[in-house]
Amino acid sequence: MLAERIRQIVAEQHEVPISSLGTNTNFFKDLDDSLDLAEIIMTCEEEFAISIPDTEAFDIQTIGDLISCVQRHITVPSNVWPPPPIY
């Protein structure tokens, strides 16, 4: 699912177990690295073929915020991942 893939991206970027990450995990307080957040956002944009405006990116504080933001911009239902190929 979408949320699981985003948690996996964050876990890989921060080299932490995915089990330690929840929707309330805060990028600034718990993971302590705002530069990695920019990279995570770019990875999500590539992975899900979306574009997150800077104005929305500045509001992302938690993994849950990121999941919600991606869901707003994605064009396939969140329970269908990976999306079917477009021909």
N, C-alpha and C. Protein backbone atom coordinates (compact mmCIF):
# COMPACT_ATOMS: atom_id res chain seq x y z
N MET A 1 0.82 -1.19 0.00
CA MET A 1 0.00 0.00 0.00
C MET A 1 0.87 1.26 0.00
N LEU A 2 0.24 2.33 -0.31
CA LEU A 2 0.93 3.61 -0.41
C LEU A 2 1.64 4.01 0.88
N ALA A 3 0.93 3.94 1.99
CA ALA A 3 1.51 4.34 3.28
C ALA A 3 2.73 3.49 3.62
N GLU A 4 2.63 2.21 3.34
CA GLU A 4 3.75 1.30 3.64
C GLU A 4 4.96 1.64 2.79
N ARG A 5 4.75 1.96 1.52
CA ARG A 5 5.86 2.31 0.63
C ARG A 5 6.53 3.61 1.09
N ILE A 6 5.74 4.57 1.52
CA ILE A 6 6.32 5.83 2.00
C ILE A 6 7.13 5.58 3.27
N ARG A 7 6.61 4.76 4.18
CA ARG A 7 7.37 4.41 5.39
C ARG A 7 8.68 3.72 5.01
N GLN A 8 8.63 2.88 3.98
CA GLN A 8 9.83 2.18 3.53
C GLN A 8 10.85 3.17 2.97
N ILE A 9 10.41 4.14 2.21
CA ILE A 9 11.31 5.18 1.67
C ILE A 9 11.98 5.93 2.81
N VAL A 10 11.21 6.32 3.82
CA VAL A 10 11.76 7.05 4.96
C VAL A 10 12.75 6.16 5.73
N ALA A 11 12.39 4.90 5.94
CA ALA A 11 13.28 3.97 6.66
C ALA A 11 14.61 3.80 5.93
N GLU A 12 14.56 3.67 4.62
CA GLU A 12 15.78 3.51 3.84
C GLU A 12 16.64 4.78 3.91
N GLN A 13 16.00 5.93 3.80
CA GLN A 13 16.73 7.19 3.82
C GLN A 13 17.42 7.42 5.18
N HIS A 14 16.72 7.07 6.25
CA HIS A 14 17.25 7.32 7.59
C HIS A 14 17.96 6.12 8.20
N GLU A 15 17.96 5.01 7.45
CA GLU A 15 18.61 3.77 7.91
C GLU A 15 18.11 3.36 9.29
N VAL A 16 16.77 3.32 9.41
CA VAL A 16 16.12 2.87 10.64
C VAL A 16 15.13 1.77 10.28
N PRO A 17 14.79 0.92 11.25
CA PRO A 17 13.81 -0.12 10.96
C PRO A 17 12.44 0.50 10.65
N ILE A 18 11.77 -0.05 9.66
CA ILE A 18 10.46 0.46 9.28
C ILE A 18 9.48 0.35 10.45
N SER A 19 9.69 -0.64 11.31
CA SER A 19 8.80 -0.83 12.46
C SER A 19 8.88 0.32 13.46
N SER A 20 9.94 1.12 13.38
CA SER A 20 10.09 2.25 14.31
C SER A 20 9.39 3.52 13.81
N LEU A 21 8.80 3.44 12.63
CA LEU A 21 8.19 4.61 12.01
C LEU A 21 6.67 4.49 11.99
N GLY A 22 6.01 5.50 12.52
CA GLY A 22 4.55 5.55 12.48
C GLY A 22 4.10 6.84 11.81
N THR A 23 2.81 6.99 11.68
CA THR A 23 2.30 8.20 11.02
C THR A 23 2.58 9.46 11.83
N ASN A 24 2.80 9.31 13.13
CA ASN A 24 3.09 10.47 13.98
C ASN A 24 4.58 10.77 14.11
N THR A 25 5.42 9.96 13.45
CA THR A 25 6.86 10.21 13.49
C THR A 25 7.13 11.57 12.85
N ASN A 26 7.80 12.45 13.61
CA ASN A 26 8.06 13.81 13.17
C ASN A 26 9.46 13.87 12.54
N PHE A 27 9.53 14.42 11.33
CA PHE A 27 10.81 14.50 10.63
C PHE A 27 11.82 15.37 11.37
N PHE A 28 11.36 16.36 12.08
CA PHE A 28 12.26 17.31 12.73
C PHE A 28 12.60 16.92 14.17
N LYS A 29 11.61 16.41 14.90
CA LYS A 29 11.83 16.05 16.30
C LYS A 29 12.36 14.63 16.45
N ASP A 30 11.79 13.70 15.71
CA ASP A 30 12.15 12.29 15.87
C ASP A 30 13.30 11.86 14.96
N LEU A 31 13.35 12.40 13.76
CA LEU A 31 14.38 11.99 12.81
C LEU A 31 15.46 13.05 12.65
N ASP A 32 15.18 14.26 13.09
CA ASP A 32 16.18 15.33 13.23
C ASP A 32 16.98 15.62 11.97
N ASP A 33 16.30 15.70 10.83
CA ASP A 33 17.04 16.05 9.62
C ASP A 33 16.12 16.58 8.54
N SER A 34 16.05 17.88 8.42
CA SER A 34 15.17 18.50 7.43
C SER A 34 15.71 18.36 6.01
N LEU A 35 17.03 18.22 5.84
CA LEU A 35 17.57 18.04 4.50
C LEU A 35 17.15 16.71 3.92
N ASP A 36 17.11 15.68 4.76
CA ASP A 36 16.63 14.39 4.28
C ASP A 36 15.17 14.46 3.88
N LEU A 37 14.38 15.30 4.51
CA LEU A 37 12.97 15.44 4.15
C LEU A 37 12.85 15.91 2.70
N ALA A 38 13.69 16.83 2.29
CA ALA A 38 13.65 17.30 0.90
C ALA A 38 13.95 16.15 -0.05
N GLU A 39 14.92 15.32 0.29
CA GLU A 39 15.26 14.16 -0.54
C GLU A 39 14.12 13.15 -0.54
N ILE A 40 13.49 12.94 0.61
CA ILE A 40 12.37 12.01 0.70
C ILE A 40 11.21 12.50 -0.16
N ILE A 41 10.94 13.79 -0.12
CA ILE A 41 9.86 14.35 -0.95
C ILE A 41 10.18 14.15 -2.43
N MET A 42 11.43 14.41 -2.82
CA MET A 42 11.81 14.21 -4.22
C MET A 42 11.69 12.75 -4.63
N THR A 43 12.07 11.85 -3.73
CA THR A 43 11.94 10.42 -4.02
C THR A 43 10.47 10.05 -4.19
N CYS A 44 9.61 10.57 -3.34
CA CYS A 44 8.17 10.30 -3.45
C CYS A 44 7.61 10.86 -4.75
N GLU A 45 8.07 12.05 -5.14
CA GLU A 45 7.60 12.64 -6.39
C GLU A 45 7.96 11.75 -7.57
N GLU A 46 9.18 11.22 -7.57
CA GLU A 46 9.60 10.32 -8.64
C GLU A 46 8.86 8.99 -8.58
N GLU A 47 8.79 8.42 -7.41
CA GLU A 47 8.17 7.11 -7.21
C GLU A 47 6.70 7.09 -7.62
N PHE A 48 5.98 8.16 -7.27
CA PHE A 48 4.54 8.19 -7.50
C PHE A 48 4.14 9.09 -8.67
N ALA A 49 5.12 9.60 -9.40
CA ALA A 49 4.89 10.44 -10.58
C ALA A 49 3.97 11.62 -10.26
N ILE A 50 4.36 12.36 -9.23
CA ILE A 50 3.58 13.53 -8.80
C ILE A 50 4.51 14.71 -8.63
N SER A 51 3.93 15.86 -8.40
CA SER A 51 4.69 17.06 -8.07
C SER A 51 4.06 17.69 -6.83
N ILE A 52 4.85 17.87 -5.80
CA ILE A 52 4.38 18.48 -4.56
C ILE A 52 4.86 19.93 -4.54
N PRO A 53 3.94 20.88 -4.55
CA PRO A 53 4.35 22.29 -4.52
C PRO A 53 5.11 22.62 -3.23
N ASP A 54 6.05 23.54 -3.35
CA ASP A 54 6.85 23.95 -2.18
C ASP A 54 5.96 24.41 -1.03
N THR A 55 4.86 25.09 -1.35
CA THR A 55 3.98 25.59 -0.29
C THR A 55 3.42 24.44 0.55
N GLU A 56 3.17 23.30 -0.08
CA GLU A 56 2.69 22.13 0.67
C GLU A 56 3.84 21.41 1.35
N ALA A 57 4.98 21.36 0.69
CA ALA A 57 6.14 20.66 1.26
C ALA A 57 6.56 21.29 2.59
N PHE A 58 6.44 22.62 2.69
CA PHE A 58 6.82 23.31 3.93
C PHE A 58 5.92 22.92 5.10
N ASP A 59 4.72 22.44 4.81
CA ASP A 59 3.77 22.07 5.87
C ASP A 59 3.95 20.63 6.35
N ILE A 60 4.79 19.85 5.68
CA ILE A 60 4.97 18.45 6.06
C ILE A 60 5.85 18.37 7.30
N GLN A 61 5.29 17.83 8.36
CA GLN A 61 6.01 17.67 9.62
C GLN A 61 6.19 16.19 10.00
N THR A 62 5.20 15.37 9.66
CA THR A 62 5.20 13.97 10.07
C THR A 62 5.07 13.06 8.85
N ILE A 63 5.31 11.79 9.08
CA ILE A 63 5.11 10.80 8.02
C ILE A 63 3.65 10.81 7.57
N GLY A 64 2.73 10.97 8.51
CA GLY A 64 1.32 11.05 8.17
C GLY A 64 1.01 12.24 7.26
N ASP A 65 1.65 13.37 7.53
CA ASP A 65 1.49 14.54 6.66
C ASP A 65 1.95 14.23 5.24
N LEU A 66 3.08 13.54 5.13
CA LEU A 66 3.63 13.19 3.82
C LEU A 66 2.69 12.24 3.09
N ILE A 67 2.19 11.25 3.81
CA ILE A 67 1.25 10.29 3.21
C ILE A 67 0.02 11.03 2.68
N SER A 68 -0.55 11.91 3.49
CA SER A 68 -1.73 12.67 3.07
C SER A 68 -1.44 13.53 1.85
N CYS A 69 -0.29 14.16 1.85
CA CYS A 69 0.10 15.03 0.73
C CYS A 69 0.22 14.21 -0.55
N VAL A 70 0.89 13.08 -0.48
CA VAL A 70 1.04 12.22 -1.67
C VAL A 70 -0.34 11.75 -2.14
N GLN A 71 -1.18 11.34 -1.20
CA GLN A 71 -2.52 10.88 -1.56
C GLN A 71 -3.32 11.95 -2.30
N ARG A 72 -3.16 13.20 -1.91
CA ARG A 72 -3.88 14.30 -2.57
C ARG A 72 -3.44 14.48 -4.02
N HIS A 73 -2.20 14.13 -4.31
CA HIS A 73 -1.65 14.40 -5.64
C HIS A 73 -1.62 13.18 -6.55
N ILE A 74 -1.79 12.02 -6.01
CA ILE A 74 -1.70 10.81 -6.80
C ILE A 74 -3.01 10.61 -7.58
N THR A 75 -2.92 10.00 -8.73
CA THR A 75 -4.10 9.87 -9.58
C THR A 75 -4.71 8.48 -9.57
N VAL A 76 -4.15 7.56 -8.78
CA VAL A 76 -4.75 6.23 -8.64
C VAL A 76 -5.15 6.03 -7.19
N PRO A 77 -6.11 5.18 -6.91
CA PRO A 77 -6.51 4.94 -5.53
C PRO A 77 -5.33 4.45 -4.69
N SER A 78 -5.29 4.85 -3.43
CA SER A 78 -4.16 4.52 -2.56
C SER A 78 -4.04 3.03 -2.28
N ASN A 79 -5.12 2.26 -2.49
CA ASN A 79 -5.05 0.82 -2.23
C ASN A 79 -4.55 0.04 -3.45
N VAL A 80 -4.23 0.75 -4.54
CA VAL A 80 -3.72 0.10 -5.74
C VAL A 80 -2.30 0.58 -5.98
N TRP A 81 -1.34 -0.19 -5.49
CA TRP A 81 0.05 0.17 -5.71
C TRP A 81 0.85 -1.09 -5.94
N PRO A 82 1.65 -1.15 -6.95
CA PRO A 82 1.91 -0.08 -7.89
C PRO A 82 0.73 0.11 -8.84
N PRO A 83 0.64 1.30 -9.43
CA PRO A 83 -0.48 1.56 -10.33
C PRO A 83 -0.38 0.71 -11.58
N PRO A 84 -1.50 0.45 -12.21
CA PRO A 84 -1.45 -0.31 -13.46
C PRO A 84 -0.73 0.51 -14.53
N PRO A 85 -0.09 -0.18 -15.48
CA PRO A 85 0.64 0.56 -16.53
C PRO A 85 -0.33 1.36 -17.40
N ILE A 86 0.16 2.49 -17.88
CA ILE A 86 -0.63 3.32 -18.78
C ILE A 86 -0.11 3.08 -20.20
N TYR A 87 -0.99 2.71 -21.09
CA TYR A 87 -0.59 2.41 -22.47
C TYR A 87 -0.96 3.54 -23.41
